[in-house]
């Protein structure tokens, strides 16, 4: 199993989940330090979300209670309306690895 960050993260993109992750498997399209420097209402911040690398996640669930908008789920507990986010999380890392 792995964690999945749903689209509910978009517009909040809080980084508390990253701080508690023991494997550092949570990433986004913007460098973490740059993301943390953006103002909460910045258009750039409001259009991104974070993702959990399914190959690196150890399913410790430390990130789940840290999310202020409850956007993080175990992959087998993702709500039906957010099931597409399982694929989106995995695809983000396929594209990221392809860019290296």
PDB file of N, CA and C in Angstrom:
ATOM      1  N   UNK A   1       0.827  -1.183   0.000  1.00  0.00           N
ATOM      2  CA  UNK A   1       0.000   0.000   0.000  1.00  0.00           C
ATOM      3  C   UNK A   1       0.873   1.248   0.000  1.00  0.00           C
ATOM      4  N   UNK A   2       0.233   2.333  -0.352  1.00  0.00           N
ATOM      5  CA  UNK A   2       0.928   3.610  -0.401  1.00  0.00           C
ATOM      6  C   UNK A   2      -0.049   4.731  -0.082  1.00  0.00           C
ATOM      7  N   UNK A   3       0.487   5.882   0.240  1.00  0.00           N
ATOM      8  CA  UNK A   3      -0.352   7.048   0.448  1.00  0.00           C
ATOM      9  C   UNK A   3      -0.658   7.715  -0.874  1.00  0.00           C
ATOM     10  N   UNK A   4      -1.768   8.427  -0.919  1.00  0.00           N
ATOM     11  CA  UNK A   4      -2.183   9.157  -2.115  1.00  0.00           C
ATOM     12  C   UNK A   4      -2.651  10.539  -1.677  1.00  0.00           C
ATOM     13  N   UNK A   5      -2.162  11.560  -2.351  1.00  0.00           N
ATOM     14  CA  UNK A   5      -2.633  12.919  -2.090  1.00  0.00           C
ATOM     15  C   UNK A   5      -3.641  13.260  -3.177  1.00  0.00           C
ATOM     16  N   UNK A   6      -4.840  13.608  -2.757  1.00  0.00           N
ATOM     17  CA  UNK A   6      -5.910  13.915  -3.705  1.00  0.00           C
ATOM     18  C   UNK A   6      -5.866  15.387  -4.116  1.00  0.00           C
ATOM     19  N   UNK A   7      -6.712  15.716  -5.079  1.00  0.00           N
ATOM     20  CA  UNK A   7      -6.767  17.092  -5.590  1.00  0.00           C
ATOM     21  C   UNK A   7      -7.207  18.095  -4.541  1.00  0.00           C
ATOM     22  N   UNK A   8      -7.694  17.615  -3.408  1.00  0.00           N
ATOM     23  CA  UNK A   8      -8.054  18.539  -2.331  1.00  0.00           C
ATOM     24  C   UNK A   8      -6.833  19.328  -1.854  1.00  0.00           C
ATOM     25  N   UNK A   9      -5.645  18.855  -2.177  1.00  0.00           N
ATOM     26  CA  UNK A   9      -4.399  19.549  -1.828  1.00  0.00           C
ATOM     27  C   UNK A   9      -4.242  20.840  -2.632  1.00  0.00           C
ATOM     28  N   UNK A  10      -4.782  20.862  -3.854  1.00  0.00           N
ATOM     29  CA  UNK A  10      -4.654  22.033  -4.719  1.00  0.00           C
ATOM     30  C   UNK A  10      -5.254  23.248  -4.017  1.00  0.00           C
ATOM     31  N   UNK A  11      -4.489  24.304  -3.988  1.00  0.00           N
ATOM     32  CA  UNK A  11      -4.954  25.526  -3.373  1.00  0.00           C
ATOM     33  C   UNK A  11      -4.524  25.675  -1.925  1.00  0.00           C
ATOM     34  N   UNK A  12      -4.146  24.579  -1.306  1.00  0.00           N
ATOM     35  CA  UNK A  12      -3.640  24.625   0.065  1.00  0.00           C
ATOM     36  C   UNK A  12      -2.149  24.330   0.031  1.00  0.00           C
ATOM     37  N   UNK A  13      -1.813  23.173  -0.501  1.00  0.00           N
ATOM     38  CA  UNK A  13      -0.428  22.754  -0.682  1.00  0.00           C
ATOM     39  C   UNK A  13       0.407  23.022   0.575  1.00  0.00           C
ATOM     40  N   UNK A  14      -0.144  22.654   1.706  1.00  0.00           N
ATOM     41  CA  UNK A  14       0.553  22.755   2.986  1.00  0.00           C
ATOM     42  C   UNK A  14       1.683  21.727   2.981  1.00  0.00           C
ATOM     43  N   UNK A  15       2.791  22.032   3.592  1.00  0.00           N
ATOM     44  CA  UNK A  15       3.945  21.125   3.533  1.00  0.00           C
ATOM     45  C   UNK A  15       4.201  20.386   4.845  1.00  0.00           C
ATOM     46  N   UNK A  16       3.259  20.411   5.768  1.00  0.00           N
ATOM     47  CA  UNK A  16       3.443  19.710   7.044  1.00  0.00           C
ATOM     48  C   UNK A  16       3.637  18.212   6.827  1.00  0.00           C
ATOM     49  N   UNK A  17       3.010  17.662   5.803  1.00  0.00           N
ATOM     50  CA  UNK A  17       3.141  16.233   5.508  1.00  0.00           C
ATOM     51  C   UNK A  17       4.588  15.878   5.156  1.00  0.00           C
ATOM     52  N   UNK A  18       5.255  16.769   4.461  1.00  0.00           N
ATOM     53  CA  UNK A  18       6.644  16.541   4.069  1.00  0.00           C
ATOM     54  C   UNK A  18       7.542  16.466   5.305  1.00  0.00           C
ATOM     55  N   UNK A  19       7.273  17.328   6.265  1.00  0.00           N
ATOM     56  CA  UNK A  19       8.100  17.405   7.469  1.00  0.00           C
ATOM     57  C   UNK A  19       8.078  16.121   8.293  1.00  0.00           C
ATOM     58  N   UNK A  20       6.998  15.358   8.235  1.00  0.00           N
ATOM     59  CA  UNK A  20       6.894  14.137   9.046  1.00  0.00           C
ATOM     60  C   UNK A  20       7.201  12.861   8.271  1.00  0.00           C
ATOM     61  N   UNK A  21       7.423  12.968   6.990  1.00  0.00           N
ATOM     62  CA  UNK A  21       7.660  11.787   6.157  1.00  0.00           C
ATOM     63  C   UNK A  21       9.071  11.230   6.391  1.00  0.00           C
ATOM     64  N   UNK A  22       9.174   9.990   6.897  1.00  0.00           N
ATOM     65  CA  UNK A  22      10.500   9.430   7.173  1.00  0.00           C
ATOM     66  C   UNK A  22      11.293   9.048   5.927  1.00  0.00           C
ATOM     67  N   UNK A  23      10.613   8.905   4.781  1.00  0.00           N
ATOM     68  CA  UNK A  23      11.323   8.519   3.561  1.00  0.00           C
ATOM     69  C   UNK A  23      11.466   9.670   2.561  1.00  0.00           C
ATOM     70  N   UNK A  24      10.944  10.846   2.927  1.00  0.00           N
ATOM     71  CA  UNK A  24      11.012  12.017   2.041  1.00  0.00           C
ATOM     72  C   UNK A  24      10.447  11.708   0.654  1.00  0.00           C
ATOM     73  N   UNK A  25       9.291  11.030   0.633  1.00  0.00           N
ATOM     74  CA  UNK A  25       8.712  10.609  -0.644  1.00  0.00           C
ATOM     75  C   UNK A  25       7.625  11.546  -1.161  1.00  0.00           C
ATOM     76  N   UNK A  26       7.458  12.700  -0.526  1.00  0.00           N
ATOM     77  CA  UNK A  26       6.426  13.649  -0.941  1.00  0.00           C
ATOM     78  C   UNK A  26       7.080  14.814  -1.682  1.00  0.00           C
ATOM     79  N   UNK A  27       6.638  15.004  -2.918  1.00  0.00           N
ATOM     80  CA  UNK A  27       7.229  16.033  -3.778  1.00  0.00           C
ATOM     81  C   UNK A  27       6.131  16.736  -4.564  1.00  0.00           C
ATOM     82  N   UNK A  28       6.509  17.803  -5.235  1.00  0.00           N
ATOM     83  CA  UNK A  28       5.574  18.523  -6.086  1.00  0.00           C
ATOM     84  C   UNK A  28       6.296  19.123  -7.265  1.00  0.00           C
ATOM     85  N   UNK A  29       5.561  19.814  -8.113  1.00  0.00           N
ATOM     86  CA  UNK A  29       6.166  20.403  -9.310  1.00  0.00           C
ATOM     87  C   UNK A  29       7.037  21.625  -9.015  1.00  0.00           C
ATOM     88  N   UNK A  30       6.953  22.157  -7.799  1.00  0.00           N
ATOM     89  CA  UNK A  30       7.766  23.295  -7.382  1.00  0.00           C
ATOM     90  C   UNK A  30       8.693  22.814  -6.275  1.00  0.00           C
ATOM     91  N   UNK A  31       9.941  23.212  -6.327  1.00  0.00           N
ATOM     92  CA  UNK A  31      10.890  22.877  -5.283  1.00  0.00           C
ATOM     93  C   UNK A  31      10.292  23.228  -3.922  1.00  0.00           C
ATOM     94  N   UNK A  32      10.474  22.351  -2.946  1.00  0.00           N
ATOM     95  CA  UNK A  32       9.865  22.516  -1.634  1.00  0.00           C
ATOM     96  C   UNK A  32      10.212  23.847  -0.977  1.00  0.00           C
ATOM     97  N   UNK A  33      11.456  24.240  -1.019  1.00  0.00           N
ATOM     98  CA  UNK A  33      11.848  25.510  -0.401  1.00  0.00           C
ATOM     99  C   UNK A  33      11.194  26.692  -1.101  1.00  0.00           C
ATOM    100  N   UNK A  34      11.120  26.622  -2.412  1.00  0.00           N
ATOM    101  CA  UNK A  34      10.456  27.695  -3.169  1.00  0.00           C
ATOM    102  C   UNK A  34       8.964  27.734  -2.831  1.00  0.00           C
ATOM    103  N   UNK A  35       8.343  26.571  -2.725  1.00  0.00           N
ATOM    104  CA  UNK A  35       6.929  26.496  -2.377  1.00  0.00           C
ATOM    105  C   UNK A  35       6.662  27.120  -1.010  1.00  0.00           C
ATOM    106  N   UNK A  36       7.524  26.834  -0.063  1.00  0.00           N
ATOM    107  CA  UNK A  36       7.348  27.374   1.289  1.00  0.00           C
ATOM    108  C   UNK A  36       7.510  28.890   1.336  1.00  0.00           C
ATOM    109  N   UNK A  37       8.233  29.452   0.400  1.00  0.00           N
ATOM    110  CA  UNK A  37       8.431  30.899   0.364  1.00  0.00           C
ATOM    111  C   UNK A  37       7.285  31.649  -0.317  1.00  0.00           C
ATOM    112  N   UNK A  38       6.456  30.930  -1.061  1.00  0.00           N
ATOM    113  CA  UNK A  38       5.338  31.572  -1.748  1.00  0.00           C
ATOM    114  C   UNK A  38       4.275  32.003  -0.750  1.00  0.00           C
ATOM    115  N   UNK A  39       3.683  33.145  -1.005  1.00  0.00           N
ATOM    116  CA  UNK A  39       2.580  33.630  -0.181  1.00  0.00           C
ATOM    117  C   UNK A  39       1.407  32.656  -0.304  1.00  0.00           C
ATOM    118  N   UNK A  40       0.623  32.471   0.757  1.00  0.00           N
ATOM    119  CA  UNK A  40      -0.514  31.539   0.703  1.00  0.00           C
ATOM    120  C   UNK A  40      -1.490  31.810  -0.442  1.00  0.00           C
ATOM    121  N   UNK A  41      -1.659  33.069  -0.817  1.00  0.00           N
ATOM    122  CA  UNK A  41      -2.598  33.418  -1.887  1.00  0.00           C
ATOM    123  C   UNK A  41      -1.924  33.578  -3.250  1.00  0.00           C
ATOM    124  N   UNK A  42      -0.670  33.188  -3.351  1.00  0.00           N
ATOM    125  CA  UNK A  42       0.050  33.298  -4.613  1.00  0.00           C
ATOM    126  C   UNK A  42      -0.626  32.416  -5.672  1.00  0.00           C
ATOM    127  N   UNK A  43      -0.865  32.974  -6.873  1.00  0.00           N
ATOM    128  CA  UNK A  43      -1.491  32.168  -7.931  1.00  0.00           C
ATOM    129  C   UNK A  43      -0.715  30.881  -8.218  1.00  0.00           C
ATOM    130  N   UNK A  44       0.594  30.944  -8.114  1.00  0.00           N
ATOM    131  CA  UNK A  44       1.396  29.756  -8.376  1.00  0.00           C
ATOM    132  C   UNK A  44       1.142  28.682  -7.312  1.00  0.00           C
ATOM    133  N   UNK A  45       1.065  29.086  -6.064  1.00  0.00           N
ATOM    134  CA  UNK A  45       0.803  28.137  -4.974  1.00  0.00           C
ATOM    135  C   UNK A  45      -0.609  27.554  -5.088  1.00  0.00           C
ATOM    136  N   UNK A  46      -1.551  28.389  -5.493  1.00  0.00           N
ATOM    137  CA  UNK A  46      -2.947  27.965  -5.563  1.00  0.00           C
ATOM    138  C   UNK A  46      -3.225  26.981  -6.699  1.00  0.00           C
ATOM    139  N   UNK A  47      -2.249  26.764  -7.573  1.00  0.00           N
ATOM    140  CA  UNK A  47      -2.480  25.889  -8.718  1.00  0.00           C
ATOM    141  C   UNK A  47      -1.716  24.568  -8.656  1.00  0.00           C
ATOM    142  N   UNK A  48      -1.027  24.314  -7.549  1.00  0.00           N
ATOM    143  CA  UNK A  48      -0.235  23.077  -7.472  1.00  0.00           C
ATOM    144  C   UNK A  48      -0.671  22.207  -6.291  1.00  0.00           C
ATOM    145  N   UNK A  49      -0.206  20.982  -6.339  1.00  0.00           N
ATOM    146  CA  UNK A  49      -0.424  20.071  -5.225  1.00  0.00           C
ATOM    147  C   UNK A  49       0.832  19.231  -5.038  1.00  0.00           C
ATOM    148  N   UNK A  50       0.888  18.533  -3.925  1.00  0.00           N
ATOM    149  CA  UNK A  50       1.984  17.609  -3.647  1.00  0.00           C
ATOM    150  C   UNK A  50       1.547  16.198  -4.016  1.00  0.00           C
ATOM    151  N   UNK A  51       2.535  15.308  -4.178  1.00  0.00           N
ATOM    152  CA  UNK A  51       2.281  13.923  -4.560  1.00  0.00           C
ATOM    153  C   UNK A  51       3.157  13.000  -3.724  1.00  0.00           C
ATOM    154  N   UNK A  52       2.689  11.770  -3.524  1.00  0.00           N
ATOM    155  CA  UNK A  52       3.456  10.758  -2.791  1.00  0.00           C
ATOM    156  C   UNK A  52       3.982   9.737  -3.781  1.00  0.00           C
ATOM    157  N   UNK A  53       5.285   9.505  -3.742  1.00  0.00           N
ATOM    158  CA  UNK A  53       5.920   8.536  -4.628  1.00  0.00           C
ATOM    159  C   UNK A  53       5.548   7.126  -4.160  1.00  0.00           C
ATOM    160  N   UNK A  54       4.783   6.385  -4.973  1.00  0.00           N
ATOM    161  CA  UNK A  54       4.351   5.055  -4.552  1.00  0.00           C
ATOM    162  C   UNK A  54       5.494   4.048  -4.421  1.00  0.00           C
ATOM    163  N   UNK A  55       6.613   4.332  -5.059  1.00  0.00           N
ATOM    164  CA  UNK A  55       7.767   3.425  -4.955  1.00  0.00           C
ATOM    165  C   UNK A  55       8.576   3.669  -3.691  1.00  0.00           C
ATOM    166  N   UNK A  56       8.444   4.849  -3.108  1.00  0.00           N
ATOM    167  CA  UNK A  56       9.220   5.203  -1.921  1.00  0.00           C
ATOM    168  C   UNK A  56       8.396   5.168  -0.624  1.00  0.00           C
ATOM    169  N   UNK A  57       7.083   5.304  -0.734  1.00  0.00           N
ATOM    170  CA  UNK A  57       6.211   5.342   0.440  1.00  0.00           C
ATOM    171  C   UNK A  57       6.236   3.991   1.161  1.00  0.00           C
ATOM    172  N   UNK A  58       6.389   4.034   2.477  1.00  0.00           N
ATOM    173  CA  UNK A  58       6.412   2.807   3.286  1.00  0.00           C
ATOM    174  C   UNK A  58       5.083   2.603   4.030  1.00  0.00           C
ATOM    175  N   UNK A  59       4.085   3.393   3.697  1.00  0.00           N
ATOM    176  CA  UNK A  59       2.748   3.286   4.278  1.00  0.00           C
ATOM    177  C   UNK A  59       2.754   3.412   5.793  1.00  0.00           C
ATOM    178  N   UNK A  60       3.558   4.340   6.287  1.00  0.00           N
ATOM    179  CA  UNK A  60       3.608   4.564   7.738  1.00  0.00           C
ATOM    180  C   UNK A  60       2.434   5.424   8.208  1.00  0.00           C
ATOM    181  N   UNK A  61       1.824   6.151   7.285  1.00  0.00           N
ATOM    182  CA  UNK A  61       0.655   7.003   7.529  1.00  0.00           C
ATOM    183  C   UNK A  61       0.952   8.220   8.407  1.00  0.00           C
ATOM    184  N   UNK A  62       2.209   8.551   8.605  1.00  0.00           N
ATOM    185  CA  UNK A  62       2.554   9.725   9.420  1.00  0.00           C
ATOM    186  C   UNK A  62       2.001  11.009   8.809  1.00  0.00           C
ATOM    187  N   UNK A  63       1.867  11.059   7.508  1.00  0.00           N
ATOM    188  CA  UNK A  63       1.417  12.269   6.823  1.00  0.00           C
ATOM    189  C   UNK A  63      -0.089  12.498   6.932  1.00  0.00           C
ATOM    190  N   UNK A  64      -0.856  11.457   7.077  1.00  0.00           N
ATOM    191  CA  UNK A  64      -2.315  11.587   7.047  1.00  0.00           C
ATOM    192  C   UNK A  64      -2.867  12.620   8.023  1.00  0.00           C
ATOM    193  N   UNK A  65      -2.530  12.559   9.294  1.00  0.00           N
ATOM    194  CA  UNK A  65      -3.118  13.529  10.222  1.00  0.00           C
ATOM    195  C   UNK A  65      -2.531  14.938  10.097  1.00  0.00           C
ATOM    196  N   UNK A  66      -1.450  15.098   9.351  1.00  0.00           N
ATOM    197  CA  UNK A  66      -0.809  16.406   9.212  1.00  0.00           C
ATOM    198  C   UNK A  66      -1.494  17.307   8.195  1.00  0.00           C
ATOM    199  N   UNK A  67      -2.250  16.730   7.292  1.00  0.00           N
ATOM    200  CA  UNK A  67      -2.873  17.508   6.214  1.00  0.00           C
ATOM    201  C   UNK A  67      -4.065  18.300   6.749  1.00  0.00           C
ATOM    202  N   UNK A  68      -4.017  19.635   6.634  1.00  0.00           N
ATOM    203  CA  UNK A  68      -5.104  20.457   7.172  1.00  0.00           C
ATOM    204  C   UNK A  68      -6.414  20.347   6.390  1.00  0.00           C
ATOM    205  N   UNK A  69      -6.363  19.789   5.173  1.00  0.00           N
ATOM    206  CA  UNK A  69      -7.588  19.645   4.376  1.00  0.00           C
ATOM    207  C   UNK A  69      -7.954  18.181   4.153  1.00  0.00           C
ATOM    208  N   UNK A  70      -7.295  17.292   4.884  1.00  0.00           N
ATOM    209  CA  UNK A  70      -7.582  15.851   4.783  1.00  0.00           C
ATOM    210  C   UNK A  70      -7.535  15.344   3.344  1.00  0.00           C
ATOM    211  N   UNK A  71      -6.467  15.719   2.642  1.00  0.00           N
ATOM    212  CA  UNK A  71      -6.313  15.330   1.238  1.00  0.00           C
ATOM    213  C   UNK A  71      -5.525  14.039   1.065  1.00  0.00           C
ATOM    214  N   UNK A  72      -5.003  13.469   2.147  1.00  0.00           N
ATOM    215  CA  UNK A  72      -4.139  12.298   2.048  1.00  0.00           C
ATOM    216  C   UNK A  72      -4.875  11.062   2.567  1.00  0.00           C
ATOM    217  N   UNK A  73      -4.788   9.990   1.763  1.00  0.00           N
ATOM    218  CA  UNK A  73      -5.429   8.717   2.100  1.00  0.00           C
ATOM    219  C   UNK A  73      -4.484   7.569   1.805  1.00  0.00           C
ATOM    220  N   UNK A  74      -4.717   6.447   2.435  1.00  0.00           N
ATOM    221  CA  UNK A  74      -4.088   5.206   1.990  1.00  0.00           C
ATOM    222  C   UNK A  74      -4.765   4.854   0.670  1.00  0.00           C
ATOM    223  N   UNK A  75      -4.011   4.233  -0.241  1.00  0.00           N
ATOM    224  CA  UNK A  75      -4.569   3.994  -1.576  1.00  0.00           C
ATOM    225  C   UNK A  75      -5.833   3.138  -1.570  1.00  0.00           C
ATOM    226  N   UNK A  76      -5.993   2.284  -0.575  1.00  0.00           N
ATOM    227  CA  UNK A  76      -7.200   1.460  -0.524  1.00  0.00           C
ATOM    228  C   UNK A  76      -8.365   2.158   0.184  1.00  0.00           C
ATOM    229  N   UNK A  77      -8.159   3.409   0.605  1.00  0.00           N
ATOM    230  CA  UNK A  77      -9.206   4.172   1.289  1.00  0.00           C
ATOM    231  C   UNK A  77      -9.563   5.468   0.566  1.00  0.00           C
ATOM    232  N   UNK A  78      -9.039   5.668  -0.628  1.00  0.00           N
ATOM    233  CA  UNK A  78      -9.330   6.882  -1.397  1.00  0.00           C
ATOM    234  C   UNK A  78     -10.823   6.893  -1.748  1.00  0.00           C
ATOM    235  N   UNK A  79     -11.516   8.008  -1.490  1.00  0.00           N
ATOM    236  CA  UNK A  79     -12.940   8.086  -1.836  1.00  0.00           C
ATOM    237  C   UNK A  79     -13.166   7.865  -3.331  1.00  0.00           C
ATOM    238  N   UNK A  80     -14.294   7.314  -3.661  1.00  0.00           N
ATOM    239  CA  UNK A  80     -14.629   6.988  -5.049  1.00  0.00           C
ATOM    240  C   UNK A  80     -14.413   8.185  -5.978  1.00  0.00           C
ATOM    241  N   UNK A  81     -14.827   9.372  -5.559  1.00  0.00           N
ATOM    242  CA  UNK A  81     -14.712  10.554  -6.423  1.00  0.00           C
ATOM    243  C   UNK A  81     -13.265  11.000  -6.631  1.00  0.00           C
ATOM    244  N   UNK A  82     -12.335  10.421  -5.877  1.00  0.00           N
ATOM    245  CA  UNK A  82     -10.923  10.799  -5.991  1.00  0.00           C
ATOM    246  C   UNK A  82     -10.038   9.660  -6.493  1.00  0.00           C
ATOM    247  N   UNK A  83     -10.632   8.575  -6.949  1.00  0.00           N
ATOM    248  CA  UNK A  83      -9.849   7.403  -7.394  1.00  0.00           C
ATOM    249  C   UNK A  83      -8.859   7.750  -8.500  1.00  0.00           C
ATOM    250  N   UNK A  84      -9.175   8.712  -9.344  1.00  0.00           N
ATOM    251  CA  UNK A  84      -8.266   9.116 -10.415  1.00  0.00           C
ATOM    252  C   UNK A  84      -6.970   9.701  -9.887  1.00  0.00           C
ATOM    253  N   UNK A  85      -6.988  10.160  -8.654  1.00  0.00           N
ATOM    254  CA  UNK A  85      -5.788  10.741  -8.055  1.00  0.00           C
ATOM    255  C   UNK A  85      -4.724   9.688  -7.755  1.00  0.00           C
ATOM    256  N   UNK A  86      -5.120   8.427  -7.649  1.00  0.00           N
ATOM    257  CA  UNK A  86      -4.142   7.352  -7.459  1.00  0.00           C
ATOM    258  C   UNK A  86      -3.223   7.305  -8.678  1.00  0.00           C
ATOM    259  N   UNK A  87      -3.824   7.345  -9.855  1.00  0.00           N
ATOM    260  CA  UNK A  87      -3.056   7.339 -11.104  1.00  0.00           C
ATOM    261  C   UNK A  87      -2.269   8.632 -11.259  1.00  0.00           C
ATOM    262  N   UNK A  88      -2.872   9.760 -10.902  1.00  0.00           N
ATOM    263  CA  UNK A  88      -2.190  11.056 -11.028  1.00  0.00           C
ATOM    264  C   UNK A  88      -0.927  11.095 -10.177  1.00  0.00           C
ATOM    265  N   UNK A  89      -0.982  10.544  -8.958  1.00  0.00           N
ATOM    266  CA  UNK A  89       0.199  10.502  -8.103  1.00  0.00           C
ATOM    267  C   UNK A  89       1.303   9.681  -8.756  1.00  0.00           C
ATOM    268  N   UNK A  90       0.965   8.501  -9.241  1.00  0.00           N
ATOM    269  CA  UNK A  90       1.964   7.631  -9.871  1.00  0.00           C
ATOM    270  C   UNK A  90       2.518   8.279 -11.140  1.00  0.00           C
ATOM    271  N   UNK A  91       1.642   8.880 -11.962  1.00  0.00           N
ATOM    272  CA  UNK A  91       2.066   9.525 -13.210  1.00  0.00           C
ATOM    273  C   UNK A  91       3.022  10.675 -12.971  1.00  0.00           C
ATOM    274  N   UNK A  92       2.813  11.427 -11.904  1.00  0.00           N
ATOM    275  CA  UNK A  92       3.707  12.535 -11.596  1.00  0.00           C
ATOM    276  C   UNK A  92       5.145  12.024 -11.492  1.00  0.00           C
ATOM    277  N   UNK A  93       5.339  10.896 -10.842  1.00  0.00           N
ATOM    278  CA  UNK A  93       6.694  10.383 -10.644  1.00  0.00           C
ATOM    279  C   UNK A  93       7.239   9.692 -11.887  1.00  0.00           C
ATOM    280  N   UNK A  94       6.377   9.110 -12.705  1.00  0.00           N
ATOM    281  CA  UNK A  94       6.830   8.564 -13.987  1.00  0.00           C
ATOM    282  C   UNK A  94       7.402   9.702 -14.831  1.00  0.00           C
ATOM    283  N   UNK A  95       6.686  10.817 -14.885  1.00  0.00           N
ATOM    284  CA  UNK A  95       7.149  11.972 -15.655  1.00  0.00           C
ATOM    285  C   UNK A  95       8.401  12.588 -15.039  1.00  0.00           C
ATOM    286  N   UNK A  96       8.441  12.661 -13.721  1.00  0.00           N
ATOM    287  CA  UNK A  96       9.602  13.228 -13.031  1.00  0.00           C
ATOM    288  C   UNK A  96      10.853  12.405 -13.317  1.00  0.00           C
ATOM    289  N   UNK A  97      10.737  11.093 -13.254  1.00  0.00           N
ATOM    290  CA  UNK A  97      11.892  10.227 -13.518  1.00  0.00           C
ATOM    291  C   UNK A  97      12.312  10.287 -14.981  1.00  0.00           C
ATOM    292  N   UNK A  98      11.337  10.464 -15.869  1.00  0.00           N
ATOM    293  CA  UNK A  98      11.641  10.564 -17.291  1.00  0.00           C
ATOM    294  C   UNK A  98      12.374  11.847 -17.634  1.00  0.00           C
ATOM    295  N   UNK A  99      12.185  12.877 -16.814  1.00  0.00           N
ATOM    296  CA  UNK A  99      12.819  14.178 -17.053  1.00  0.00           C
ATOM    297  C   UNK A  99      14.264  14.207 -16.571  1.00  0.00           C
ATOM    298  N   UNK A 100      14.651  13.228 -15.804  1.00  0.00           N
ATOM    299  CA  UNK A 100      16.026  13.228 -15.248  1.00  0.00           C
ATOM    300  C   UNK A 100      17.030  12.745 -16.237  1.00  0.00           C
TER     301      UNK A 100
END
